[in-house]
Amino acid sequence: MVNFLNGLESLISEWDDQTPREPDKDKDLIFVNGEEGTINSNGKLSCLEASIFSRNSRIFEDAIEKGVKSLVLYLTDSVGLITYTSCEGHRVNRELNILKHRNVGILPRNLEEYNFVKYNLKQVESFFVKLNNNKCVQVTIDENFVESENGKMPCIDILFLPKLGKENDYFLALEEVYQNFLELTKRQFKR
């Protein structure tokens, strides 16, 4: 999956600026609460575009879908990371069984932070594989890149994927898997 983020450098600098943003600074950023809990630029299940808000935006928390909010806020507030994307997972088309999987994307500021996040999340992934007996959902830590108008940066995506042939049962099992992963993540980062 190609991730493109316009204004990548300004997102990073705004994220680290602890000054609360004035509401008018977010006036050009759009988010719509839409069908089945989606939050994106038009509220439709098929939409893949969304504005990205820095942590100091007054509407940051409102722009996070409920199904990933606890993980996103833990990573941003307790660990101090930048998240650049998230989705709680949605069934885009019930008849054709097309879905968007749950995910959270992390944008490390530098190589040291990248290695720290990668190490800890790979540890969680390893523990999770050993403990998870769920037959419908697997969690994968994916090393990827975010492209911008000025080049690309490495990122790390947490993917909650349906196991092959288990797409119909994915959403039934997802919440339990997510909560278990969140607890393992909290334990790992507290070490």
Protein backbone atom coordinates (compact mmCIF):
# COMPACT_ATOMS: atom_id res chain seq x y z
CA MET A 1 0.00 0.00 0.00
CA VAL A 2 1.40 3.40 -0.97
CA ASN A 3 0.94 6.08 1.67
CA PHE A 4 1.12 9.67 0.41
CA LEU A 5 1.05 12.54 2.86
CA ASN A 6 1.14 16.12 1.67
CA GLY A 7 2.92 18.37 4.20
CA LEU A 8 4.75 15.58 6.02
CA GLU A 9 7.46 17.83 7.48
CA SER A 10 4.94 20.37 8.77
CA LEU A 11 2.92 17.57 10.43
CA ILE A 12 6.02 16.46 12.34
CA SER A 13 6.93 19.99 13.45
CA GLU A 14 3.32 20.79 14.43
CA TRP A 15 3.06 17.50 16.32
CA ASP A 16 6.04 18.38 18.49
CA ASP A 17 4.83 21.95 19.11
CA GLN A 18 3.02 21.71 22.45
CA THR A 19 1.06 24.93 21.90
CA PRO A 20 -2.65 24.17 21.43
CA ARG A 21 -3.69 25.04 17.90
CA GLU A 22 -6.24 27.75 17.37
CA PRO A 23 -9.46 26.42 15.81
CA ASP A 24 -8.99 28.49 12.65
CA LYS A 25 -5.74 26.63 11.89
CA ASP A 26 -7.82 23.49 11.26
CA LYS A 27 -10.48 25.22 9.18
CA ASP A 28 -9.20 23.77 5.89
CA LEU A 29 -9.02 20.26 7.33
CA ILE A 30 -12.19 18.27 6.86
CA PHE A 31 -13.56 15.23 8.57
CA VAL A 32 -17.03 13.79 8.31
CA ASN A 33 -18.59 11.28 10.69
CA GLY A 34 -20.32 8.96 8.30
CA GLU A 35 -21.72 5.53 7.66
CA GLU A 36 -21.05 2.85 10.26
CA GLY A 37 -18.61 4.96 12.29
CA THR A 38 -16.35 6.04 9.42
CA ILE A 39 -14.45 9.28 9.85
CA ASN A 40 -12.92 10.52 6.62
CA SER A 41 -13.22 13.34 4.09
CA ASN A 42 -16.74 12.47 2.92
CA GLY A 43 -18.15 9.96 5.41
CA LYS A 44 -18.61 7.19 2.85
CA LEU A 45 -17.37 3.66 3.47
CA SER A 46 -15.52 3.60 0.15
CA CYS A 47 -13.54 6.81 0.84
CA LEU A 48 -9.81 6.33 1.49
CA GLU A 49 -8.94 10.00 2.07
CA ALA A 50 -8.88 11.83 5.37
CA SER A 51 -7.31 14.89 6.91
CA ILE A 52 -4.52 14.32 9.37
CA PHE A 53 -4.59 16.34 12.57
CA SER A 54 -1.58 16.97 14.78
CA ARG A 55 -1.82 15.93 18.43
CA ASN A 56 -2.20 19.52 19.58
CA SER A 57 -5.25 20.11 17.39
CA ARG A 58 -8.38 20.72 19.44
CA ILE A 59 -10.24 18.20 17.28
CA PHE A 60 -7.59 15.45 17.16
CA GLU A 61 -9.52 13.02 19.38
CA ASP A 62 -12.83 13.70 17.60
CA ALA A 63 -11.23 12.67 14.29
CA ILE A 64 -10.24 9.18 15.50
CA GLU A 65 -12.63 6.31 14.92
CA LYS A 66 -13.91 4.67 18.10
CA GLY A 67 -12.50 1.21 17.30
CA VAL A 68 -8.87 2.42 17.26
CA LYS A 69 -9.06 5.41 19.61
CA SER A 70 -7.62 3.67 22.69
CA LEU A 71 -4.56 2.38 20.79
CA VAL A 72 -3.97 5.68 18.98
CA LEU A 73 -4.21 7.69 22.20
CA TYR A 74 -1.95 5.27 24.06
CA LEU A 75 0.70 5.51 21.32
CA THR A 76 0.46 9.31 21.06
CA ASP A 77 0.00 10.28 24.71
CA SER A 78 1.84 7.60 26.67
CA VAL A 79 4.58 6.59 24.22
CA GLY A 80 4.90 10.00 22.48
CA LEU A 81 4.62 8.72 18.91
CA ILE A 82 3.16 10.31 15.80
CA THR A 83 0.28 8.48 14.18
CA TYR A 84 -0.49 9.39 10.58
CA THR A 85 -3.40 7.08 9.79
CA SER A 86 -5.92 4.84 11.48
CA CYS A 87 -9.08 2.94 10.64
CA GLU A 88 -11.31 0.87 12.91
CA GLY A 89 -12.18 -1.44 10.02
CA HIS A 90 -15.36 -1.37 7.95
CA ARG A 91 -17.38 -3.66 5.76
CA VAL A 92 -17.37 -1.65 2.52
CA ASN A 93 -19.72 -3.96 0.62
CA ARG A 94 -21.66 -6.67 2.45
CA GLU A 95 -22.83 -8.47 -0.70
CA LEU A 96 -19.33 -8.74 -2.19
CA ASN A 97 -17.74 -9.16 1.26
CA ILE A 98 -15.30 -6.29 0.69
CA LEU A 99 -13.80 -4.84 3.84
CA LYS A 100 -11.24 -2.35 5.06
CA HIS A 101 -9.17 -3.86 7.84
CA ARG A 102 -8.36 -2.17 11.14
CA ASN A 103 -4.98 -0.43 11.21
CA VAL A 104 -2.87 2.24 12.89
CA GLY A 105 0.10 3.87 11.17
CA ILE A 106 3.08 5.27 13.09
CA LEU A 107 5.51 7.82 11.68
CA PRO A 108 8.82 7.70 13.57
CA ARG A 109 10.66 11.04 13.69
CA ASN A 110 14.12 9.54 13.14
CA LEU A 111 16.02 6.25 12.83
CA GLU A 112 16.43 5.85 16.59
CA GLU A 113 12.69 6.17 17.18
CA TYR A 114 12.01 3.89 14.20
CA ASN A 115 14.22 1.16 15.68
CA PHE A 116 12.64 1.61 19.13
CA VAL A 117 9.10 1.30 17.77
CA LYS A 118 9.97 -1.54 15.42
CA TYR A 119 11.69 -3.55 18.15
CA ASN A 120 8.86 -3.12 20.66
CA LEU A 121 6.03 -3.77 18.21
CA LYS A 122 7.80 -6.81 16.76
CA GLN A 123 8.11 -8.12 20.34
CA VAL A 124 4.38 -7.58 20.81
CA GLU A 125 3.69 -9.29 17.47
CA SER A 126 5.81 -12.27 18.52
CA PHE A 127 4.08 -12.58 21.93
CA PHE A 128 0.72 -12.13 20.26
CA VAL A 129 1.31 -14.90 17.73
CA LYS A 130 2.16 -17.29 20.58
CA LEU A 131 -0.86 -16.30 22.68
CA ASN A 132 -3.48 -15.67 20.02
CA ASN A 133 -5.52 -18.71 19.17
CA ASN A 134 -8.01 -16.67 17.17
CA LYS A 135 -8.74 -18.31 13.85
CA CYS A 136 -10.16 -15.18 12.16
CA VAL A 137 -7.79 -12.24 12.81
CA GLN A 138 -4.02 -11.94 12.62
CA VAL A 139 -1.95 -8.94 13.66
CA THR A 140 1.00 -7.93 11.51
CA ILE A 141 3.60 -5.21 12.06
CA ASP A 142 4.39 -3.89 8.60
CA GLU A 143 7.48 -1.83 7.77
CA ASN A 144 6.49 0.63 5.07
CA PHE A 145 7.10 4.15 3.74
CA VAL A 146 5.17 7.39 3.68
CA GLU A 147 5.78 9.42 0.55
CA SER A 148 5.49 13.20 0.42
CA GLU A 149 6.29 15.96 -2.00
CA ASN A 150 9.84 15.98 -0.55
CA GLY A 151 10.63 12.25 -0.65
CA LYS A 152 9.76 9.38 1.63
CA MET A 153 10.13 8.37 5.26
CA PRO A 154 9.92 4.95 6.87
CA CYS A 155 6.77 4.18 8.84
CA ILE A 156 5.38 1.25 10.78
CA ASP A 157 1.82 0.06 10.33
CA ILE A 158 -0.11 -2.14 12.75
CA LEU A 159 -2.46 -4.25 10.65
CA PHE A 160 -5.37 -6.31 11.97
CA LEU A 161 -5.97 -8.59 9.00
CA PRO A 162 -8.61 -11.22 8.31
CA LYS A 163 -7.20 -14.70 7.93
CA LEU A 164 -7.79 -16.19 4.51
CA GLY A 165 -11.29 -17.55 4.20
CA LYS A 166 -12.39 -15.98 7.49
CA GLU A 167 -13.52 -12.58 6.19
CA ASN A 168 -17.14 -13.23 7.25
CA ASP A 169 -16.07 -13.79 10.86
CA TYR A 170 -13.47 -11.00 10.98
CA PHE A 171 -15.61 -8.37 12.70
CA LEU A 172 -17.00 -10.86 15.22
CA ALA A 173 -13.49 -11.64 16.47
CA LEU A 174 -11.80 -8.27 15.91
CA GLU A 175 -12.59 -6.51 19.19
CA GLU A 176 -11.23 -9.27 21.42
CA VAL A 177 -8.05 -9.50 19.33
CA TYR A 178 -7.66 -5.71 19.42
CA GLN A 179 -8.05 -5.52 23.22
CA ASN A 180 -5.51 -8.32 23.73
CA PHE A 181 -3.05 -6.59 21.40
CA LEU A 182 -3.56 -3.26 23.20
CA GLU A 183 -2.82 -4.85 26.59
CA LEU A 184 0.35 -6.55 25.28
CA THR A 185 1.44 -3.24 23.73
CA LYS A 186 0.99 -1.39 27.01
CA ARG A 187 3.01 -4.03 28.87
CA GLN A 188 5.82 -3.98 26.29
CA PHE A 189 6.23 -0.21 26.19
CA LYS A 190 6.23 0.08 30.00
CA ARG A 191 9.38 -2.05 30.26
